[in-house]
Full PDB file with SEQRES, HELIX, SHEET, SSBOND, CRYST1, ORIGX, SCALE, CONECT and MASTER records, all heavy atoms in Angstrom:
SEQRES   1 A   36  ASN SER THR TRP LEU ILE GLY LYS PRO LEU GLN LYS ASP          
SEQRES   2 A   36  LEU GLY MET ALA LEU ASN ARG PRO VAL ARG LEU GLN ASN          
SEQRES   3 A   36  ASP ALA ASN CYS PHE ALA VAL SER GLU ALA                      
HELIX    1 AA1 THR A    3  LEU A    5  5                                   3    
HELIX    2 AA2 LEU A   10  LEU A   18  1                                   9    
HELIX    3 AA3 ASP A   27  GLU A   35  1                                   9    
CRYST1    1.000    1.000    1.000  90.00  90.00  90.00 P 1           1          
ORIGX1      1.000000  0.000000  0.000000        0.00000                         
ORIGX2      0.000000  1.000000  0.000000        0.00000                         
ORIGX3      0.000000  0.000000  1.000000        0.00000                         
SCALE1      1.000000  0.000000  0.000000        0.00000                         
SCALE2      0.000000  1.000000  0.000000        0.00000                         
SCALE3      0.000000  0.000000  1.000000        0.00000                         
ATOM      1  N   ASN A   1      95.206 100.338  75.005  1.00  0.00           N  
ATOM      2  CA  ASN A   1      94.433 101.499  74.677  1.00  0.00           C  
ATOM      3  C   ASN A   1      94.206 102.450  75.862  1.00  0.00           C  
ATOM      4  O   ASN A   1      93.792 103.574  75.696  1.00  0.00           O  
ATOM      5  CB  ASN A   1      93.084 101.119  73.966  1.00  0.00           C  
ATOM      6  CG  ASN A   1      92.282 100.153  74.799  1.00  0.00           C  
ATOM      7  OD1 ASN A   1      92.411 100.046  75.984  1.00  0.00           O  
ATOM      8  ND2 ASN A   1      91.405  99.436  74.149  1.00  0.00           N  
ATOM      9  N   SER A   2      94.492 101.956  77.047  1.00  0.00           N  
ATOM     10  CA  SER A   2      94.579 102.886  78.279  1.00  0.00           C  
ATOM     11  C   SER A   2      95.975 103.370  78.266  1.00  0.00           C  
ATOM     12  O   SER A   2      96.883 102.833  78.942  1.00  0.00           O  
ATOM     13  CB  SER A   2      94.239 102.044  79.533  1.00  0.00           C  
ATOM     14  OG  SER A   2      92.912 101.547  79.519  1.00  0.00           O  
ATOM     15  N   THR A   3      96.213 104.426  77.512  1.00  0.00           N  
ATOM     16  CA  THR A   3      97.565 104.813  77.144  1.00  0.00           C  
ATOM     17  C   THR A   3      98.432 105.210  78.310  1.00  0.00           C  
ATOM     18  O   THR A   3      99.625 105.217  78.179  1.00  0.00           O  
ATOM     19  CB  THR A   3      97.470 105.971  76.104  1.00  0.00           C  
ATOM     20  OG1 THR A   3      96.696 107.024  76.654  1.00  0.00           O  
ATOM     21  CG2 THR A   3      96.868 105.466  74.802  1.00  0.00           C  
ATOM     22  N   TRP A   4      97.836 105.590  79.422  1.00  0.00           N  
ATOM     23  CA  TRP A   4      98.648 106.029  80.578  1.00  0.00           C  
ATOM     24  C   TRP A   4      99.413 104.819  81.216  1.00  0.00           C  
ATOM     25  O   TRP A   4     100.296 105.039  81.983  1.00  0.00           O  
ATOM     26  CB  TRP A   4      97.768 106.698  81.657  1.00  0.00           C  
ATOM     27  CG  TRP A   4      96.784 105.805  82.286  1.00  0.00           C  
ATOM     28  CD1 TRP A   4      96.919 105.093  83.432  1.00  0.00           C  
ATOM     29  CD2 TRP A   4      95.458 105.575  81.852  1.00  0.00           C  
ATOM     30  NE1 TRP A   4      95.727 104.418  83.731  1.00  0.00           N  
ATOM     31  CE2 TRP A   4      94.791 104.703  82.772  1.00  0.00           C  
ATOM     32  CE3 TRP A   4      94.670 106.018  80.744  1.00  0.00           C  
ATOM     33  CZ2 TRP A   4      93.470 104.244  82.628  1.00  0.00           C  
ATOM     34  CZ3 TRP A   4      93.353 105.595  80.617  1.00  0.00           C  
ATOM     35  CH2 TRP A   4      92.810 104.741  81.491  1.00  0.00           C  
ATOM     36  N   LEU A   5      99.079 103.595  80.762  1.00  0.00           N  
ATOM     37  CA  LEU A   5      99.762 102.443  81.276  1.00  0.00           C  
ATOM     38  C   LEU A   5     101.028 102.121  80.458  1.00  0.00           C  
ATOM     39  O   LEU A   5     101.918 101.449  80.908  1.00  0.00           O  
ATOM     40  CB  LEU A   5      98.850 101.211  81.247  1.00  0.00           C  
ATOM     41  CG  LEU A   5      97.543 101.297  82.080  1.00  0.00           C  
ATOM     42  CD1 LEU A   5      96.718 100.052  81.827  1.00  0.00           C  
ATOM     43  CD2 LEU A   5      97.845 101.519  83.558  1.00  0.00           C  
ATOM     44  N   ILE A   6     101.055 102.629  79.207  1.00  0.00           N  
ATOM     45  CA  ILE A   6     102.139 102.242  78.327  1.00  0.00           C  
ATOM     46  C   ILE A   6     103.477 102.690  78.854  1.00  0.00           C  
ATOM     47  O   ILE A   6     103.641 103.842  79.331  1.00  0.00           O  
ATOM     48  CB  ILE A   6     101.880 102.847  76.894  1.00  0.00           C  
ATOM     49  CG1 ILE A   6     100.628 102.198  76.254  1.00  0.00           C  
ATOM     50  CG2 ILE A   6     103.110 102.667  76.004  1.00  0.00           C  
ATOM     51  CD1 ILE A   6     100.251 102.775  74.899  1.00  0.00           C  
ATOM     52  N   GLY A   7     104.458 101.762  78.846  1.00  0.00           N  
ATOM     53  CA  GLY A   7     105.802 102.090  79.246  1.00  0.00           C  
ATOM     54  C   GLY A   7     105.950 102.005  80.776  1.00  0.00           C  
ATOM     55  O   GLY A   7     107.015 102.320  81.299  1.00  0.00           O  
ATOM     56  N   LYS A   8     104.901 101.533  81.519  1.00  0.00           N  
ATOM     57  CA  LYS A   8     105.030 101.435  82.962  1.00  0.00           C  
ATOM     58  C   LYS A   8     105.233 100.001  83.390  1.00  0.00           C  
ATOM     59  O   LYS A   8     104.714  99.037  82.789  1.00  0.00           O  
ATOM     60  CB  LYS A   8     103.709 101.955  83.595  1.00  0.00           C  
ATOM     61  CG  LYS A   8     103.387 103.355  83.261  1.00  0.00           C  
ATOM     62  CD  LYS A   8     104.398 104.381  83.822  1.00  0.00           C  
ATOM     63  CE  LYS A   8     103.960 105.823  83.574  1.00  0.00           C  
ATOM     64  NZ  LYS A   8     104.855 106.796  84.082  1.00  0.00           N  
ATOM     65  N   PRO A   9     105.997  99.773  84.468  1.00  0.00           N  
ATOM     66  CA  PRO A   9     106.233  98.427  85.024  1.00  0.00           C  
ATOM     67  C   PRO A   9     105.044  98.026  85.910  1.00  0.00           C  
ATOM     68  O   PRO A   9     105.234  97.848  87.126  1.00  0.00           O  
ATOM     69  CB  PRO A   9     107.533  98.567  85.785  1.00  0.00           C  
ATOM     70  CG  PRO A   9     107.495  99.986  86.252  1.00  0.00           C  
ATOM     71  CD  PRO A   9     106.793 100.776  85.214  1.00  0.00           C  
ATOM     72  N   LEU A  10     103.917  97.808  85.331  1.00  0.00           N  
ATOM     73  CA  LEU A  10     102.681  97.619  86.129  1.00  0.00           C  
ATOM     74  C   LEU A  10     102.782  96.362  87.010  1.00  0.00           C  
ATOM     75  O   LEU A  10     102.384  96.412  88.197  1.00  0.00           O  
ATOM     76  CB  LEU A  10     101.451  97.525  85.211  1.00  0.00           C  
ATOM     77  CG  LEU A  10     100.092  97.367  85.850  1.00  0.00           C  
ATOM     78  CD1 LEU A  10      99.796  98.553  86.737  1.00  0.00           C  
ATOM     79  CD2 LEU A  10      98.975  97.150  84.836  1.00  0.00           C  
ATOM     80  N   GLN A  11     103.233  95.261  86.475  1.00  0.00           N  
ATOM     81  CA  GLN A  11     103.311  94.026  87.290  1.00  0.00           C  
ATOM     82  C   GLN A  11     104.251  94.193  88.475  1.00  0.00           C  
ATOM     83  O   GLN A  11     103.924  93.848  89.565  1.00  0.00           O  
ATOM     84  CB  GLN A  11     103.777  92.843  86.360  1.00  0.00           C  
ATOM     85  CG  GLN A  11     103.704  91.529  87.128  1.00  0.00           C  
ATOM     86  CD  GLN A  11     103.920  90.387  86.149  1.00  0.00           C  
ATOM     87  OE1 GLN A  11     104.374  90.551  85.039  1.00  0.00           O  
ATOM     88  NE2 GLN A  11     103.604  89.182  86.605  1.00  0.00           N  
ATOM     89  N   LYS A  12     105.395  94.799  88.222  1.00  0.00           N  
ATOM     90  CA  LYS A  12     106.386  95.044  89.276  1.00  0.00           C  
ATOM     91  C   LYS A  12     105.856  95.962  90.363  1.00  0.00           C  
ATOM     92  O   LYS A  12     105.918  95.716  91.516  1.00  0.00           O  
ATOM     93  CB  LYS A  12     107.663  95.614  88.658  1.00  0.00           C  
ATOM     94  CG  LYS A  12     108.737  95.976  89.676  1.00  0.00           C  
ATOM     95  CD  LYS A  12     109.950  96.588  89.038  1.00  0.00           C  
ATOM     96  CE  LYS A  12     110.986  97.064  90.059  1.00  0.00           C  
ATOM     97  NZ  LYS A  12     112.167  97.756  89.369  1.00  0.00           N  
ATOM     98  N   ASP A  13     105.208  97.070  89.892  1.00  0.00           N  
ATOM     99  CA  ASP A  13     104.695  98.053  90.884  1.00  0.00           C  
ATOM    100  C   ASP A  13     103.557  97.487  91.694  1.00  0.00           C  
ATOM    101  O   ASP A  13     103.448  97.778  92.936  1.00  0.00           O  
ATOM    102  CB  ASP A  13     104.243  99.313  90.150  1.00  0.00           C  
ATOM    103  CG  ASP A  13     105.412 100.152  89.627  1.00  0.00           C  
ATOM    104  OD1 ASP A  13     106.565  99.874  90.072  1.00  0.00           O  
ATOM    105  OD2 ASP A  13     105.205 101.012  88.750  1.00  0.00           O  
ATOM    106  N   LEU A  14     102.679  96.715  91.090  1.00  0.00           N  
ATOM    107  CA  LEU A  14     101.569  96.101  91.846  1.00  0.00           C  
ATOM    108  C   LEU A  14     102.122  95.043  92.870  1.00  0.00           C  
ATOM    109  O   LEU A  14     101.662  94.897  93.956  1.00  0.00           O  
ATOM    110  CB  LEU A  14     100.578  95.480  90.884  1.00  0.00           C  
ATOM    111  CG  LEU A  14      99.645  96.442  90.207  1.00  0.00           C  
ATOM    112  CD1 LEU A  14      98.812  95.718  89.188  1.00  0.00           C  
ATOM    113  CD2 LEU A  14      98.728  97.125  91.228  1.00  0.00           C  
ATOM    114  N   GLY A  15     103.114  94.276  92.377  1.00  0.00           N  
ATOM    115  CA  GLY A  15     103.738  93.339  93.271  1.00  0.00           C  
ATOM    116  C   GLY A  15     104.362  93.975  94.494  1.00  0.00           C  
ATOM    117  O   GLY A  15     104.236  93.466  95.647  1.00  0.00           O  
ATOM    118  N   MET A  16     104.991  95.163  94.287  1.00  0.00           N  
ATOM    119  CA  MET A  16     105.621  95.830  95.481  1.00  0.00           C  
ATOM    120  C   MET A  16     104.464  96.462  96.375  1.00  0.00           C  
ATOM    121  O   MET A  16     104.553  96.406  97.553  1.00  0.00           O  
ATOM    122  CB  MET A  16     106.469  96.957  94.956  1.00  0.00           C  
ATOM    123  CG  MET A  16     107.744  96.461  94.289  1.00  0.00           C  
ATOM    124  SD  MET A  16     108.776  97.803  93.610  1.00  0.00           S  
ATOM    125  CE  MET A  16     109.171  98.694  95.122  1.00  0.00           C  
ATOM    126  N   ALA A  17     103.426  96.965  95.724  1.00  0.00           N  
ATOM    127  CA  ALA A  17     102.339  97.597  96.521  1.00  0.00           C  
ATOM    128  C   ALA A  17     101.617  96.521  97.390  1.00  0.00           C  
ATOM    129  O   ALA A  17     101.148  96.846  98.428  1.00  0.00           O  
ATOM    130  CB  ALA A  17     101.413  98.294  95.595  1.00  0.00           C  
ATOM    131  N   LEU A  18     101.436  95.349  96.783  1.00  0.00           N  
ATOM    132  CA  LEU A  18     100.697  94.275  97.476  1.00  0.00           C  
ATOM    133  C   LEU A  18     101.617  93.324  98.252  1.00  0.00           C  
ATOM    134  O   LEU A  18     101.072  92.384  98.895  1.00  0.00           O  
ATOM    135  CB  LEU A  18      99.884  93.491  96.490  1.00  0.00           C  
ATOM    136  CG  LEU A  18      98.723  94.300  95.828  1.00  0.00           C  
ATOM    137  CD1 LEU A  18      98.163  93.532  94.633  1.00  0.00           C  
ATOM    138  CD2 LEU A  18      97.603  94.589  96.810  1.00  0.00           C  
ATOM    139  N   ASN A  19     102.934  93.497  98.104  1.00  0.00           N  
ATOM    140  CA  ASN A  19     103.927  92.662  98.830  1.00  0.00           C  
ATOM    141  C   ASN A  19     103.704  91.191  98.544  1.00  0.00           C  
ATOM    142  O   ASN A  19     103.758  90.293  99.437  1.00  0.00           O  
ATOM    143  CB  ASN A  19     103.787  92.883 100.360  1.00  0.00           C  
ATOM    144  CG  ASN A  19     104.979  92.349 101.057  1.00  0.00           C  
ATOM    145  OD1 ASN A  19     106.112  92.304 100.560  1.00  0.00           O  
ATOM    146  ND2 ASN A  19     104.782  91.948 102.297  1.00  0.00           N  
ATOM    147  N   ARG A  20     103.539  90.892  97.255  1.00  0.00           N  
ATOM    148  CA  ARG A  20     103.411  89.453  96.806  1.00  0.00           C  
ATOM    149  C   ARG A  20     103.557  89.462  95.288  1.00  0.00           C  
ATOM    150  O   ARG A  20     103.392  90.484  94.655  1.00  0.00           O  
ATOM    151  CB  ARG A  20     102.094  88.875  97.224  1.00  0.00           C  
ATOM    152  CG  ARG A  20     100.907  89.354  96.348  1.00  0.00           C  
ATOM    153  CD  ARG A  20      99.572  89.041  96.950  1.00  0.00           C  
ATOM    154  NE  ARG A  20      99.346  90.049  98.010  1.00  0.00           N  
ATOM    155  CZ  ARG A  20      98.198  90.068  98.705  1.00  0.00           C  
ATOM    156  NH1 ARG A  20      97.222  89.260  98.459  1.00  0.00           N  
ATOM    157  NH2 ARG A  20      97.960  90.977  99.606  1.00  0.00           N  
ATOM    158  N   PRO A  21     103.873  88.265  94.707  1.00  0.00           N  
ATOM    159  CA  PRO A  21     103.837  88.183  93.245  1.00  0.00           C  
ATOM    160  C   PRO A  21     102.414  88.306  92.713  1.00  0.00           C  
ATOM    161  O   PRO A  21     101.469  87.770  93.346  1.00  0.00           O  
ATOM    162  CB  PRO A  21     104.454  86.800  92.962  1.00  0.00           C  
ATOM    163  CG  PRO A  21     104.216  86.021  94.228  1.00  0.00           C  
ATOM    164  CD  PRO A  21     104.251  87.031  95.340  1.00  0.00           C  
ATOM    165  N   VAL A  22     102.224  89.020  91.595  1.00  0.00           N  
ATOM    166  CA  VAL A  22     100.945  89.045  90.924  1.00  0.00           C  
ATOM    167  C   VAL A  22     101.134  88.574  89.543  1.00  0.00           C  
ATOM    168  O   VAL A  22     102.233  88.647  88.942  1.00  0.00           O  
ATOM    169  CB  VAL A  22     100.350  90.495  90.976  1.00  0.00           C  
ATOM    170  CG1 VAL A  22     100.133  91.006  92.395  1.00  0.00           C  
ATOM    171  CG2 VAL A  22     101.167  91.422  90.113  1.00  0.00           C  
ATOM    172  N   ARG A  23     100.076  88.063  88.960  1.00  0.00           N  
ATOM    173  CA  ARG A  23     100.136  87.631  87.562  1.00  0.00           C  
ATOM    174  C   ARG A  23      99.290  88.595  86.712  1.00  0.00           C  
ATOM    175  O   ARG A  23      98.241  88.966  87.054  1.00  0.00           O  
ATOM    176  CB  ARG A  23      99.619  86.198  87.405  1.00  0.00           C  
ATOM    177  CG  ARG A  23     100.526  85.217  88.114  1.00  0.00           C  
ATOM    178  CD  ARG A  23     100.145  83.762  87.908  1.00  0.00           C  
ATOM    179  NE  ARG A  23     101.108  82.883  88.508  1.00  0.00           N  
ATOM    180  CZ  ARG A  23     100.993  81.551  88.580  1.00  0.00           C  
ATOM    181  NH1 ARG A  23      99.970  80.936  88.033  1.00  0.00           N  
ATOM    182  NH2 ARG A  23     101.999  80.857  89.242  1.00  0.00           N  
ATOM    183  N   LEU A  24      99.901  89.024  85.617  1.00  0.00           N  
ATOM    184  CA  LEU A  24      99.348  90.026  84.746  1.00  0.00           C  
ATOM    185  C   LEU A  24      99.106  89.451  83.369  1.00  0.00           C  
ATOM    186  O   LEU A  24      99.939  88.731  82.853  1.00  0.00           O  
ATOM    187  CB  LEU A  24     100.312  91.183  84.643  1.00  0.00           C  
ATOM    188  CG  LEU A  24      99.904  92.460  83.866  1.00  0.00           C  
ATOM    189  CD1 LEU A  24      98.833  93.227  84.628  1.00  0.00           C  
ATOM    190  CD2 LEU A  24     101.092  93.361  83.647  1.00  0.00           C  
ATOM    191  N   GLN A  25      97.958  89.684  82.804  1.00  0.00           N  
ATOM    192  CA  GLN A  25      97.642  89.098  81.505  1.00  0.00           C  
ATOM    193  C   GLN A  25      96.715  90.047  80.746  1.00  0.00           C  
ATOM    194  O   GLN A  25      95.951  90.827  81.324  1.00  0.00           O  
ATOM    195  CB  GLN A  25      96.981  87.698  81.721  1.00  0.00           C  
ATOM    196  CG  GLN A  25      96.884  86.892  80.466  1.00  0.00           C  
ATOM    197  CD  GLN A  25      98.145  86.705  79.732  1.00  0.00           C  
ATOM    198  OE1 GLN A  25      98.473  87.429  78.790  1.00  0.00           O  
ATOM    199  NE2 GLN A  25      98.993  85.805  80.156  1.00  0.00           N  
ATOM    200  N   ASN A  26      96.741  89.889  79.456  1.00  0.00           N  
ATOM    201  CA  ASN A  26      95.822  90.634  78.579  1.00  0.00           C  
ATOM    202  C   ASN A  26      94.357  90.311  78.956  1.00  0.00           C  
ATOM    203  O   ASN A  26      94.082  89.139  79.251  1.00  0.00           O  
ATOM    204  CB  ASN A  26      96.090  90.236  77.103  1.00  0.00           C  
ATOM    205  CG  ASN A  26      95.122  90.879  76.154  1.00  0.00           C  
ATOM    206  OD1 ASN A  26      94.160  90.208  75.822  1.00  0.00           O  
ATOM    207  ND2 ASN A  26      95.381  92.057  75.726  1.00  0.00           N  
ATOM    208  N   ASP A  27      93.483  91.293  78.914  1.00  0.00           N  
ATOM    209  CA  ASP A  27      92.115  91.017  79.304  1.00  0.00           C  
ATOM    210  C   ASP A  27      91.357  90.037  78.447  1.00  0.00           C  
ATOM    211  O   ASP A  27      90.518  89.231  78.946  1.00  0.00           O  
ATOM    212  CB  ASP A  27      91.327  92.396  79.409  1.00  0.00           C  
ATOM    213  CG  ASP A  27      91.440  93.183  78.138  1.00  0.00           C  
ATOM    214  OD1 ASP A  27      92.015  92.764  77.168  1.00  0.00           O  
ATOM    215  OD2 ASP A  27      90.855  94.328  78.168  1.00  0.00           O  
ATOM    216  N   ALA A  28      91.691  89.950  77.200  1.00  0.00           N  
ATOM    217  CA  ALA A  28      91.033  88.978  76.289  1.00  0.00           C  
ATOM    218  C   ALA A  28      91.536  87.569  76.630  1.00  0.00           C  
ATOM    219  O   ALA A  28      90.752  86.595  76.553  1.00  0.00           O  
ATOM    220  CB  ALA A  28      91.325  89.266  74.838  1.00  0.00           C  
ATOM    221  N   ASN A  29      92.786  87.461  77.008  1.00  0.00           N  
ATOM    222  CA  ASN A  29      93.287  86.183  77.448  1.00  0.00           C  
ATOM    223  C   ASN A  29      92.549  85.696  78.743  1.00  0.00           C  
ATOM    224  O   ASN A  29      92.227  84.500  78.906  1.00  0.00           O  
ATOM    225  CB  ASN A  29      94.783  86.247  77.739  1.00  0.00           C  
ATOM    226  CG  ASN A  29      95.592  86.420  76.448  1.00  0.00           C  
ATOM    227  OD1 ASN A  29      95.139  86.278  75.398  1.00  0.00           O  
ATOM    228  ND2 ASN A  29      96.893  86.782  76.621  1.00  0.00           N  
ATOM    229  N   CYS A  30      92.309  86.682  79.642  1.00  0.00           N  
ATOM    230  CA  CYS A  30      91.592  86.313  80.847  1.00  0.00           C  
ATOM    231  C   CYS A  30      90.174  85.836  80.492  1.00  0.00           C  
ATOM    232  O   CYS A  30      89.644  84.916  81.105  1.00  0.00           O  
ATOM    233  CB  CYS A  30      91.526  87.492  81.772  1.00  0.00           C  
ATOM    234  SG  CYS A  30      93.109  87.962  82.456  1.00  0.00           S  
ATOM    235  N   PHE A  31      89.557  86.491  79.527  1.00  0.00           N  
ATOM    236  CA  PHE A  31      88.194  86.086  79.115  1.00  0.00           C  
ATOM    237  C   PHE A  31      88.219  84.655  78.568  1.00  0.00           C  
ATOM    238  O   PHE A  31      87.361  83.864  78.924  1.00  0.00           O  
ATOM    239  CB  PHE A  31      87.690  87.069  78.026  1.00  0.00           C  
ATOM    240  CG  PHE A  31      86.463  86.681  77.323  1.00  0.00           C  
ATOM    241  CD1 PHE A  31      85.223  86.810  77.917  1.00  0.00           C  
ATOM    242  CD2 PHE A  31      86.523  86.167  76.010  1.00  0.00           C  
ATOM    243  CE1 PHE A  31      84.079  86.452  77.261  1.00  0.00           C  
ATOM    244  CE2 PHE A  31      85.328  85.846  75.391  1.00  0.00           C  
ATOM    245  CZ  PHE A  31      84.150  86.000  75.988  1.00  0.00           C  
ATOM    246  N   ALA A  32      89.197  84.318  77.772  1.00  0.00           N  
ATOM    247  CA  ALA A  32      89.310  82.987  77.222  1.00  0.00           C  
ATOM    248  C   ALA A  32      89.492  81.970  78.318  1.00  0.00           C  
ATOM    249  O   ALA A  32      88.880  80.867  78.288  1.00  0.00           O  
ATOM    250  CB  ALA A  32      90.428  82.919  76.189  1.00  0.00           C  
ATOM    251  N   VAL A  33      90.364  82.290  79.263  1.00  0.00           N  
ATOM    252  CA  VAL A  33      90.616  81.346  80.384  1.00  0.00           C  
ATOM    253  C   VAL A  33      89.387  81.110  81.189  1.00  0.00           C  
ATOM    254  O   VAL A  33      89.046  79.979  81.580  1.00  0.00           O  
ATOM    255  CB  VAL A  33      91.766  81.865  81.243  1.00  0.00           C  
ATOM    256  CG1 VAL A  33      91.851  81.111  82.594  1.00  0.00           C  
ATOM    257  CG2 VAL A  33      93.114  81.779  80.564  1.00  0.00           C  
ATOM    258  N   SER A  34      88.608  82.183  81.504  1.00  0.00           N  
ATOM    259  CA  SER A  34      87.423  82.015  82.247  1.00  0.00           C  
ATOM    260  C   SER A  34      86.391  81.090  81.597  1.00  0.00           C  
ATOM    261  O   SER A  34      85.817  80.202  82.190  1.00  0.00           O  
ATOM    262  CB  SER A  34      86.772  83.427  82.520  1.00  0.00           C  
ATOM    263  OG  SER A  34      85.469  83.295  83.092  1.00  0.00           O  
ATOM    264  N   GLU A  35      86.172  81.360  80.289  1.00  0.00           N  
ATOM    265  CA  GLU A  35      85.236  80.497  79.575  1.00  0.00           C  
ATOM    266  C   GLU A  35      85.716  79.091  79.322  1.00  0.00           C  
ATOM    267  O   GLU A  35      84.891  78.193  79.196  1.00  0.00           O  
ATOM    268  CB  GLU A  35      84.889  81.173  78.233  1.00  0.00           C  
ATOM    269  CG  GLU A  35      84.102  82.490  78.394  1.00  0.00           C  
ATOM    270  CD  GLU A  35      82.718  82.302  79.030  1.00  0.00           C  
ATOM    271  OE1 GLU A  35      82.062  81.322  78.732  1.00  0.00           O  
ATOM    272  OE2 GLU A  35      82.341  83.192  79.891  1.00  0.00           O  
ATOM    273  N   ALA A  36      86.993  78.933  79.390  1.00  0.00           N  
ATOM    274  CA  ALA A  36      87.577  77.564  79.225  1.00  0.00           C  
ATOM    275  C   ALA A  36      87.454  76.749  80.508  1.00  0.00           C  
ATOM    276  O   ALA A  36      87.208  75.572  80.485  1.00  0.00           O  
ATOM    277  CB  ALA A  36      89.014  77.633  78.792  1.00  0.00           C  
TER     278      ALA A  36                                                      
MASTER        0    0    0    3    0    0    0    6  277    1    0    3          
END                                                                             
């Protein structure tokens, strides 16, 4: 629903910007993992 992200390689671009692998996940999935 943050439509400016749609169609963008966010994980790849963040990995390049931070010079490391990053893990990307849906925010609701992150919420479930935290509470678990």
